[in-house]
């Protein structure tokens, strides 16, 4: 594995941990996650990075998405942390 592959994997792992920390506080939908992350210094993260990571986390059972109506337009998919996600969050905090 090259150095850039290792760095990319580390960044994904850190970013996943940050998403688990965020979603642990309350459910968020994709765009709101992006806005919230920018408050914590993640201003240059493309939206195209967030959604694939959320889908991957959902496949792993770390989060679950539920579609809900929105007052401002179309339905939104809100993400909730699962018990598996809470355990992964604890592991992330311990290792961090």
PDB file of N, CA and C in Angstrom:
ATOM      1  N   UNK A   1       0.851  -1.179   0.000  1.00  0.00           N
ATOM      2  CA  UNK A   1       0.000   0.000   0.000  1.00  0.00           C
ATOM      3  C   UNK A   1       0.894   1.239   0.000  1.00  0.00           C
ATOM      4  N   UNK A   2       0.607   2.165  -0.880  1.00  0.00           N
ATOM      5  CA  UNK A   2       1.433   3.372  -0.974  1.00  0.00           C
ATOM      6  C   UNK A   2       1.135   4.335   0.168  1.00  0.00           C
ATOM      7  N   UNK A   3       2.030   5.291   0.354  1.00  0.00           N
ATOM      8  CA  UNK A   3       1.861   6.289   1.418  1.00  0.00           C
ATOM      9  C   UNK A   3       0.578   7.082   1.232  1.00  0.00           C
ATOM     10  N   UNK A   4       0.239   7.435  -0.031  1.00  0.00           N
ATOM     11  CA  UNK A   4      -0.992   8.213  -0.267  1.00  0.00           C
ATOM     12  C   UNK A   4      -2.229   7.374   0.015  1.00  0.00           C
ATOM     13  N   UNK A   5      -2.185   6.042  -0.241  1.00  0.00           N
ATOM     14  CA  UNK A   5      -3.307   5.165   0.083  1.00  0.00           C
ATOM     15  C   UNK A   5      -3.509   5.093   1.594  1.00  0.00           C
ATOM     16  N   UNK A   6      -2.402   5.007   2.324  1.00  0.00           N
ATOM     17  CA  UNK A   6      -2.474   4.961   3.788  1.00  0.00           C
ATOM     18  C   UNK A   6      -3.051   6.273   4.316  1.00  0.00           C
ATOM     19  N   UNK A   7      -2.586   7.398   3.803  1.00  0.00           N
ATOM     20  CA  UNK A   7      -3.091   8.704   4.236  1.00  0.00           C
ATOM     21  C   UNK A   7      -4.571   8.840   3.926  1.00  0.00           C
ATOM     22  N   UNK A   8      -4.990   8.374   2.766  1.00  0.00           N
ATOM     23  CA  UNK A   8      -6.395   8.444   2.370  1.00  0.00           C
ATOM     24  C   UNK A   8      -7.253   7.591   3.300  1.00  0.00           C
ATOM     25  N   UNK A   9      -6.783   6.386   3.634  1.00  0.00           N
ATOM     26  CA  UNK A   9      -7.526   5.513   4.539  1.00  0.00           C
ATOM     27  C   UNK A   9      -7.610   6.111   5.941  1.00  0.00           C
ATOM     28  N   UNK A  10      -6.525   6.733   6.401  1.00  0.00           N
ATOM     29  CA  UNK A  10      -6.543   7.382   7.714  1.00  0.00           C
ATOM     30  C   UNK A  10      -7.551   8.520   7.736  1.00  0.00           C
ATOM     31  N   UNK A  11      -7.559   9.325   6.674  1.00  0.00           N
ATOM     32  CA  UNK A  11      -8.496  10.440   6.597  1.00  0.00           C
ATOM     33  C   UNK A  11      -9.929   9.952   6.600  1.00  0.00           C
ATOM     34  N   UNK A  12     -10.220   8.899   5.843  1.00  0.00           N
ATOM     35  CA  UNK A  12     -11.570   8.339   5.813  1.00  0.00           C
ATOM     36  C   UNK A  12     -11.980   7.846   7.191  1.00  0.00           C
ATOM     37  N   UNK A  13     -11.045   7.191   7.886  1.00  0.00           N
ATOM     38  CA  UNK A  13     -11.340   6.691   9.226  1.00  0.00           C
ATOM     39  C   UNK A  13     -11.609   7.819  10.205  1.00  0.00           C
ATOM     40  N   UNK A  14     -10.825   8.865  10.125  1.00  0.00           N
ATOM     41  CA  UNK A  14     -11.019  10.023  11.000  1.00  0.00           C
ATOM     42  C   UNK A  14     -12.341  10.705  10.670  1.00  0.00           C
ATOM     43  N   UNK A  15     -12.607  10.853   9.378  1.00  0.00           N
ATOM     44  CA  UNK A  15     -13.844  11.515   8.956  1.00  0.00           C
ATOM     45  C   UNK A  15     -15.063  10.698   9.378  1.00  0.00           C
ATOM     46  N   UNK A  16     -14.970   9.366   9.261  1.00  0.00           N
ATOM     47  CA  UNK A  16     -16.065   8.507   9.697  1.00  0.00           C
ATOM     48  C   UNK A  16     -16.295   8.679  11.198  1.00  0.00           C
ATOM     49  N   UNK A  17     -15.211   8.708  11.970  1.00  0.00           N
ATOM     50  CA  UNK A  17     -15.337   8.910  13.414  1.00  0.00           C
ATOM     51  C   UNK A  17     -16.000  10.240  13.740  1.00  0.00           C
ATOM     52  N   UNK A  18     -15.640  11.280  12.998  1.00  0.00           N
ATOM     53  CA  UNK A  18     -16.246  12.598  13.214  1.00  0.00           C
ATOM     54  C   UNK A  18     -17.742  12.566  12.893  1.00  0.00           C
ATOM     55  N   UNK A  19     -18.112  11.854  11.839  1.00  0.00           N
ATOM     56  CA  UNK A  19     -19.537  11.741  11.509  1.00  0.00           C
ATOM     57  C   UNK A  19     -20.292  10.997  12.605  1.00  0.00           C
ATOM     58  N   UNK A  20     -19.686   9.955  13.151  1.00  0.00           N
ATOM     59  CA  UNK A  20     -20.326   9.223  14.245  1.00  0.00           C
ATOM     60  C   UNK A  20     -20.501  10.114  15.470  1.00  0.00           C
ATOM     61  N   UNK A  21     -19.491  10.926  15.767  1.00  0.00           N
ATOM     62  CA  UNK A  21     -19.603  11.853  16.896  1.00  0.00           C
ATOM     63  C   UNK A  21     -20.739  12.843  16.672  1.00  0.00           C
ATOM     64  N   UNK A  22     -20.837  13.348  15.461  1.00  0.00           N
ATOM     65  CA  UNK A  22     -21.868  14.339  15.118  1.00  0.00           C
ATOM     66  C   UNK A  22     -23.261  13.730  15.191  1.00  0.00           C
ATOM     67  N   UNK A  23     -23.447  12.598  14.531  1.00  0.00           N
ATOM     68  CA  UNK A  23     -24.775  11.971  14.462  1.00  0.00           C
ATOM     69  C   UNK A  23     -25.191  11.419  15.816  1.00  0.00           C
ATOM     70  N   UNK A  24     -24.232  11.147  16.682  1.00  0.00           N
ATOM     71  CA  UNK A  24     -24.561  10.662  18.021  1.00  0.00           C
ATOM     72  C   UNK A  24     -25.372  11.695  18.804  1.00  0.00           C
ATOM     73  N   UNK A  25     -25.136  12.978  18.544  1.00  0.00           N
ATOM     74  CA  UNK A  25     -25.844  14.032  19.276  1.00  0.00           C
ATOM     75  C   UNK A  25     -27.292  14.174  18.837  1.00  0.00           C
ATOM     76  N   UNK A  26     -27.525  14.055  17.529  1.00  0.00           N
ATOM     77  CA  UNK A  26     -28.890  14.154  16.994  1.00  0.00           C
ATOM     78  C   UNK A  26     -28.866  13.690  15.542  1.00  0.00           C
ATOM     79  N   UNK A  27     -30.023  13.303  15.004  1.00  0.00           N
ATOM     80  CA  UNK A  27     -30.076  12.904  13.598  1.00  0.00           C
ATOM     81  C   UNK A  27     -29.849  14.109  12.680  1.00  0.00           C
ATOM     82  N   UNK A  28     -29.155  13.881  11.592  1.00  0.00           N
ATOM     83  CA  UNK A  28     -28.897  14.916  10.595  1.00  0.00           C
ATOM     84  C   UNK A  28     -29.173  14.356   9.209  1.00  0.00           C
ATOM     85  N   UNK A  29     -29.522  15.233   8.273  1.00  0.00           N
ATOM     86  CA  UNK A  29     -29.588  14.861   6.866  1.00  0.00           C
ATOM     87  C   UNK A  29     -28.305  15.362   6.203  1.00  0.00           C
ATOM     88  N   UNK A  30     -28.035  14.890   4.992  1.00  0.00           N
ATOM     89  CA  UNK A  30     -26.754  15.117   4.330  1.00  0.00           C
ATOM     90  C   UNK A  30     -26.272  16.548   4.301  1.00  0.00           C
ATOM     91  N   UNK A  31     -27.102  17.463   3.804  1.00  0.00           N
ATOM     92  CA  UNK A  31     -26.664  18.850   3.691  1.00  0.00           C
ATOM     93  C   UNK A  31     -26.418  19.468   5.072  1.00  0.00           C
ATOM     94  N   UNK A  32     -27.249  19.138   6.041  1.00  0.00           N
ATOM     95  CA  UNK A  32     -27.068  19.652   7.400  1.00  0.00           C
ATOM     96  C   UNK A  32     -25.764  19.128   8.004  1.00  0.00           C
ATOM     97  N   UNK A  33     -25.393  17.895   7.642  1.00  0.00           N
ATOM     98  CA  UNK A  33     -24.113  17.346   8.100  1.00  0.00           C
ATOM     99  C   UNK A  33     -22.979  18.201   7.558  1.00  0.00           C
ATOM    100  N   UNK A  34     -23.064  18.527   6.281  1.00  0.00           N
ATOM    101  CA  UNK A  34     -22.046  19.365   5.642  1.00  0.00           C
ATOM    102  C   UNK A  34     -21.937  20.721   6.329  1.00  0.00           C
ATOM    103  N   UNK A  35     -23.067  21.339   6.612  1.00  0.00           N
ATOM    104  CA  UNK A  35     -23.077  22.640   7.288  1.00  0.00           C
ATOM    105  C   UNK A  35     -22.491  22.539   8.693  1.00  0.00           C
ATOM    106  N   UNK A  36     -22.856  21.492   9.403  1.00  0.00           N
ATOM    107  CA  UNK A  36     -22.373  21.315  10.777  1.00  0.00           C
ATOM    108  C   UNK A  36     -20.874  21.051  10.789  1.00  0.00           C
ATOM    109  N   UNK A  37     -20.403  20.239   9.855  1.00  0.00           N
ATOM    110  CA  UNK A  37     -18.973  19.952   9.779  1.00  0.00           C
ATOM    111  C   UNK A  37     -18.153  21.204   9.507  1.00  0.00           C
ATOM    112  N   UNK A  38     -18.710  22.109   8.714  1.00  0.00           N
ATOM    113  CA  UNK A  38     -17.974  23.345   8.404  1.00  0.00           C
ATOM    114  C   UNK A  38     -17.764  24.191   9.660  1.00  0.00           C
ATOM    115  N   UNK A  39     -18.648  24.061  10.646  1.00  0.00           N
ATOM    116  CA  UNK A  39     -18.473  24.775  11.916  1.00  0.00           C
ATOM    117  C   UNK A  39     -17.249  24.273  12.681  1.00  0.00           C
ATOM    118  N   UNK A  40     -16.852  23.024  12.388  1.00  0.00           N
ATOM    119  CA  UNK A  40     -15.727  22.408  13.082  1.00  0.00           C
ATOM    120  C   UNK A  40     -14.460  22.379  12.231  1.00  0.00           C
ATOM    121  N   UNK A  41     -14.440  23.184  11.181  1.00  0.00           N
ATOM    122  CA  UNK A  41     -13.234  23.308  10.379  1.00  0.00           C
ATOM    123  C   UNK A  41     -13.172  22.444   9.138  1.00  0.00           C
ATOM    124  N   UNK A  42     -14.177  21.624   8.894  1.00  0.00           N
ATOM    125  CA  UNK A  42     -14.209  20.791   7.693  1.00  0.00           C
ATOM    126  C   UNK A  42     -14.880  21.564   6.564  1.00  0.00           C
ATOM    127  N   UNK A  43     -14.267  22.673   6.164  1.00  0.00           N
ATOM    128  CA  UNK A  43     -14.884  23.550   5.164  1.00  0.00           C
ATOM    129  C   UNK A  43     -14.615  23.105   3.731  1.00  0.00           C
ATOM    130  N   UNK A  44     -13.560  22.348   3.507  1.00  0.00           N
ATOM    131  CA  UNK A  44     -13.183  21.962   2.154  1.00  0.00           C
ATOM    132  C   UNK A  44     -13.601  20.542   1.793  1.00  0.00           C
ATOM    133  N   UNK A  45     -14.490  19.925   2.572  1.00  0.00           N
ATOM    134  CA  UNK A  45     -14.923  18.564   2.272  1.00  0.00           C
ATOM    135  C   UNK A  45     -16.025  18.622   1.217  1.00  0.00           C
ATOM    136  N   UNK A  46     -15.782  18.027   0.040  1.00  0.00           N
ATOM    137  CA  UNK A  46     -16.808  18.062  -1.004  1.00  0.00           C
ATOM    138  C   UNK A  46     -18.022  17.223  -0.619  1.00  0.00           C
ATOM    139  N   UNK A  47     -19.183  17.653  -1.078  1.00  0.00           N
ATOM    140  CA  UNK A  47     -20.427  16.909  -0.805  1.00  0.00           C
ATOM    141  C   UNK A  47     -20.318  15.493  -1.361  1.00  0.00           C
ATOM    142  N   UNK A  48     -19.560  15.349  -2.448  1.00  0.00           N
ATOM    143  CA  UNK A  48     -19.363  14.041  -3.059  1.00  0.00           C
ATOM    144  C   UNK A  48     -18.551  13.085  -2.201  1.00  0.00           C
ATOM    145  N   UNK A  49     -17.989  13.571  -1.125  1.00  0.00           N
ATOM    146  CA  UNK A  49     -17.267  12.722  -0.178  1.00  0.00           C
ATOM    147  C   UNK A  49     -18.200  12.271   0.939  1.00  0.00           C
ATOM    148  N   UNK A  50     -19.081  13.151   1.347  1.00  0.00           N
ATOM    149  CA  UNK A  50     -19.959  12.871   2.484  1.00  0.00           C
ATOM    150  C   UNK A  50     -20.966  11.770   2.161  1.00  0.00           C
ATOM    151  N   UNK A  51     -21.665  11.889   1.045  1.00  0.00           N
ATOM    152  CA  UNK A  51     -22.736  10.936   0.739  1.00  0.00           C
ATOM    153  C   UNK A  51     -22.236   9.504   0.536  1.00  0.00           C
ATOM    154  N   UNK A  52     -21.149   9.279  -0.212  1.00  0.00           N
ATOM    155  CA  UNK A  52     -20.649   7.902  -0.318  1.00  0.00           C
ATOM    156  C   UNK A  52     -20.223   7.327   1.038  1.00  0.00           C
ATOM    157  N   UNK A  53     -19.636   8.173   1.893  1.00  0.00           N
ATOM    158  CA  UNK A  53     -19.237   7.704   3.218  1.00  0.00           C
ATOM    159  C   UNK A  53     -20.468   7.347   4.049  1.00  0.00           C
ATOM    160  N   UNK A  54     -21.513   8.154   3.973  1.00  0.00           N
ATOM    161  CA  UNK A  54     -22.751   7.845   4.690  1.00  0.00           C
ATOM    162  C   UNK A  54     -23.335   6.520   4.202  1.00  0.00           C
ATOM    163  N   UNK A  55     -23.330   6.296   2.897  1.00  0.00           N
ATOM    164  CA  UNK A  55     -23.847   5.036   2.352  1.00  0.00           C
ATOM    165  C   UNK A  55     -23.004   3.857   2.835  1.00  0.00           C
ATOM    166  N   UNK A  56     -21.690   4.029   2.873  1.00  0.00           N
ATOM    167  CA  UNK A  56     -20.805   2.975   3.358  1.00  0.00           C
ATOM    168  C   UNK A  56     -21.053   2.690   4.837  1.00  0.00           C
ATOM    169  N   UNK A  57     -21.220   3.744   5.612  1.00  0.00           N
ATOM    170  CA  UNK A  57     -21.487   3.579   7.043  1.00  0.00           C
ATOM    171  C   UNK A  57     -22.824   2.882   7.268  1.00  0.00           C
ATOM    172  N   UNK A  58     -23.788   3.169   6.406  1.00  0.00           N
ATOM    173  CA  UNK A  58     -25.096   2.535   6.511  1.00  0.00           C
ATOM    174  C   UNK A  58     -24.972   1.039   6.183  1.00  0.00           C
ATOM    175  N   UNK A  59     -24.194   0.699   5.163  1.00  0.00           N
ATOM    176  CA  UNK A  59     -23.967  -0.709   4.803  1.00  0.00           C
ATOM    177  C   UNK A  59     -23.297  -1.472   5.935  1.00  0.00           C
ATOM    178  N   UNK A  60     -22.413  -0.801   6.656  1.00  0.00           N
ATOM    179  CA  UNK A  60     -21.711  -1.425   7.787  1.00  0.00           C
ATOM    180  C   UNK A  60     -22.598  -1.532   9.022  1.00  0.00           C
ATOM    181  N   UNK A  61     -23.765  -0.890   9.009  1.00  0.00           N
ATOM    182  CA  UNK A  61     -24.665  -0.932  10.153  1.00  0.00           C
ATOM    183  C   UNK A  61     -24.320   0.066  11.240  1.00  0.00           C
ATOM    184  N   UNK A  62     -23.479   1.048  10.923  1.00  0.00           N
ATOM    185  CA  UNK A  62     -23.089   2.061  11.909  1.00  0.00           C
ATOM    186  C   UNK A  62     -24.171   3.122  12.080  1.00  0.00           C
ATOM    187  N   UNK A  63     -24.892   3.377  11.002  1.00  0.00           N
ATOM    188  CA  UNK A  63     -25.987   4.349  11.008  1.00  0.00           C
ATOM    189  C   UNK A  63     -27.153   3.759  10.217  1.00  0.00           C
ATOM    190  N   UNK A  64     -28.313   4.352  10.401  1.00  0.00           N
ATOM    191  CA  UNK A  64     -29.480   3.970   9.615  1.00  0.00           C
ATOM    192  C   UNK A  64     -30.136   5.254   9.123  1.00  0.00           C
ATOM    193  N   UNK A  65     -30.547   5.238   7.865  1.00  0.00           N
ATOM    194  CA  UNK A  65     -31.194   6.409   7.276  1.00  0.00           C
ATOM    195  C   UNK A  65     -32.700   6.236   7.235  1.00  0.00           C
ATOM    196  N   UNK A  66     -33.414   7.282   7.593  1.00  0.00           N
ATOM    197  CA  UNK A  66     -34.888   7.281   7.555  1.00  0.00           C
ATOM    198  C   UNK A  66     -35.345   8.536   6.839  1.00  0.00           C
ATOM    199  N   UNK A  67     -36.187   8.353   5.828  1.00  0.00           N
ATOM    200  CA  UNK A  67     -36.696   9.474   5.051  1.00  0.00           C
ATOM    201  C   UNK A  67     -37.870  10.109   5.798  1.00  0.00           C
ATOM    202  N   UNK A  68     -37.825  11.441   5.879  1.00  0.00           N
ATOM    203  CA  UNK A  68     -38.872  12.191   6.578  1.00  0.00           C
ATOM    204  C   UNK A  68     -39.274  13.392   5.728  1.00  0.00           C
ATOM    205  N   UNK A  69     -40.511  13.844   5.869  1.00  0.00           N
ATOM    206  CA  UNK A  69     -40.943  15.043   5.135  1.00  0.00           C
ATOM    207  C   UNK A  69     -40.185  16.283   5.601  1.00  0.00           C
ATOM    208  N   UNK A  70     -40.072  17.258   4.718  1.00  0.00           N
ATOM    209  CA  UNK A  70     -39.404  18.510   5.035  1.00  0.00           C
ATOM    210  C   UNK A  70     -40.356  19.665   4.763  1.00  0.00           C
ATOM    211  N   UNK A  71     -40.304  20.672   5.607  1.00  0.00           N
ATOM    212  CA  UNK A  71     -41.123  21.871   5.406  1.00  0.00           C
ATOM    213  C   UNK A  71     -40.597  22.714   4.257  1.00  0.00           C
ATOM    214  N   UNK A  72     -39.285  22.583   3.965  1.00  0.00           N
ATOM    215  CA  UNK A  72     -38.648  23.430   2.952  1.00  0.00           C
ATOM    216  C   UNK A  72     -38.589  22.810   1.558  1.00  0.00           C
ATOM    217  N   UNK A  73     -39.124  21.627   1.341  1.00  0.00           N
ATOM    218  CA  UNK A  73     -39.042  21.023   0.020  1.00  0.00           C
ATOM    219  C   UNK A  73     -39.238  19.529   0.065  1.00  0.00           C
ATOM    220  N   UNK A  74     -38.439  18.801  -0.740  1.00  0.00           N
ATOM    221  CA  UNK A  74     -38.620  17.345  -0.800  1.00  0.00           C
ATOM    222  C   UNK A  74     -38.227  16.666   0.501  1.00  0.00           C
ATOM    223  N   UNK A  75     -38.598  15.404   0.600  1.00  0.00           N
ATOM    224  CA  UNK A  75     -38.242  14.631   1.785  1.00  0.00           C
ATOM    225  C   UNK A  75     -36.728  14.572   1.941  1.00  0.00           C
ATOM    226  N   UNK A  76     -36.312  14.398   3.186  1.00  0.00           N
ATOM    227  CA  UNK A  76     -34.887  14.315   3.498  1.00  0.00           C
ATOM    228  C   UNK A  76     -34.607  13.004   4.212  1.00  0.00           C
ATOM    229  N   UNK A  77     -33.411  12.502   3.980  1.00  0.00           N
ATOM    230  CA  UNK A  77     -32.992  11.277   4.646  1.00  0.00           C
ATOM    231  C   UNK A  77     -32.149  11.654   5.860  1.00  0.00           C
ATOM    232  N   UNK A  78     -32.698  11.379   7.030  1.00  0.00           N
ATOM    233  CA  UNK A  78     -32.006  11.660   8.287  1.00  0.00           C
ATOM    234  C   UNK A  78     -31.251  10.406   8.714  1.00  0.00           C
ATOM    235  N   UNK A  79     -30.052  10.615   9.250  1.00  0.00           N
ATOM    236  CA  UNK A  79     -29.209   9.502   9.676  1.00  0.00           C
ATOM    237  C   UNK A  79     -29.165   9.429  11.196  1.00  0.00           C
ATOM    238  N   UNK A  80     -29.350   8.210  11.694  1.00  0.00           N
ATOM    239  CA  UNK A  80     -29.357   7.930  13.124  1.00  0.00           C
ATOM    240  C   UNK A  80     -28.245   6.935  13.422  1.00  0.00           C
ATOM    241  N   UNK A  81     -27.574   7.114  14.545  1.00  0.00           N
ATOM    242  CA  UNK A  81     -26.512   6.184  14.928  1.00  0.00           C
ATOM    243  C   UNK A  81     -27.151   4.921  15.500  1.00  0.00           C
ATOM    244  N   UNK A  82     -26.554   3.776  15.198  1.00  0.00           N
ATOM    245  CA  UNK A  82     -27.028   2.493  15.714  1.00  0.00           C
ATOM    246  C   UNK A  82     -26.180   2.087  16.912  1.00  0.00           C
ATOM    247  N   UNK A  83     -26.544   0.984  17.546  1.00  0.00           N
ATOM    248  CA  UNK A  83     -25.730   0.498  18.674  1.00  0.00           C
ATOM    249  C   UNK A  83     -24.335   0.098  18.183  1.00  0.00           C
ATOM    250  N   UNK A  84     -24.247  -0.451  16.982  1.00  0.00           N
ATOM    251  CA  UNK A  84     -22.942  -0.768  16.394  1.00  0.00           C
ATOM    252  C   UNK A  84     -22.147   0.513  16.164  1.00  0.00           C
ATOM    253  N   UNK A  85     -22.819   1.558  15.703  1.00  0.00           N
ATOM    254  CA  UNK A  85     -22.188   2.854  15.496  1.00  0.00           C
ATOM    255  C   UNK A  85     -21.708   3.467  16.794  1.00  0.00           C
ATOM    256  N   UNK A  86     -22.480   3.292  17.847  1.00  0.00           N
ATOM    257  CA  UNK A  86     -22.071   3.824  19.155  1.00  0.00           C
ATOM    258  C   UNK A  86     -20.820   3.121  19.658  1.00  0.00           C
ATOM    259  N   UNK A  87     -20.736   1.824  19.398  1.00  0.00           N
ATOM    260  CA  UNK A  87     -19.534   1.089  19.796  1.00  0.00           C
ATOM    261  C   UNK A  87     -18.343   1.549  18.971  1.00  0.00           C
ATOM    262  N   UNK A  88     -18.542   1.749  17.672  1.00  0.00           N
ATOM    263  CA  UNK A  88     -17.463   2.238  16.800  1.00  0.00           C
ATOM    264  C   UNK A  88     -17.034   3.640  17.225  1.00  0.00           C
ATOM    265  N   UNK A  89     -17.983   4.448  17.672  1.00  0.00           N
ATOM    266  CA  UNK A  89     -17.685   5.796  18.164  1.00  0.00           C
ATOM    267  C   UNK A  89     -16.790   5.718  19.396  1.00  0.00           C
ATOM    268  N   UNK A  90     -17.120   4.814  20.333  1.00  0.00           N
ATOM    269  CA  UNK A  90     -16.310   4.633  21.541  1.00  0.00           C
ATOM    270  C   UNK A  90     -14.891   4.203  21.169  1.00  0.00           C
ATOM    271  N   UNK A  91     -14.787   3.289  20.239  1.00  0.00           N
ATOM    272  CA  UNK A  91     -13.479   2.799  19.793  1.00  0.00           C
ATOM    273  C   UNK A  91     -12.687   3.946  19.168  1.00  0.00           C
ATOM    274  N   UNK A  92     -13.350   4.743  18.347  1.00  0.00           N
ATOM    275  CA  UNK A  92     -12.694   5.883  17.717  1.00  0.00           C
ATOM    276  C   UNK A  92     -12.152   6.839  18.776  1.00  0.00           C
ATOM    277  N   UNK A  93     -12.971   7.158  19.762  1.00  0.00           N
ATOM    278  CA  UNK A  93     -12.538   8.081  20.825  1.00  0.00           C
ATOM    279  C   UNK A  93     -11.363   7.522  21.620  1.00  0.00           C
ATOM    280  N   UNK A  94     -11.387   6.230  21.886  1.00  0.00           N
ATOM    281  CA  UNK A  94     -10.298   5.592  22.627  1.00  0.00           C
ATOM    282  C   UNK A  94      -8.995   5.640  21.828  1.00  0.00           C
ATOM    283  N   UNK A  95      -9.093   5.351  20.524  1.00  0.00           N
ATOM    284  CA  UNK A  95      -7.900   5.318  19.696  1.00  0.00           C
ATOM    285  C   UNK A  95      -7.409   6.725  19.356  1.00  0.00           C
ATOM    286  N   UNK A  96      -8.311   7.673  19.285  1.00  0.00           N
ATOM    287  CA  UNK A  96      -7.935   9.043  18.929  1.00  0.00           C
ATOM    288  C   UNK A  96      -7.111   9.638  20.044  1.00  0.00           C
TER     289      UNK A  96
END
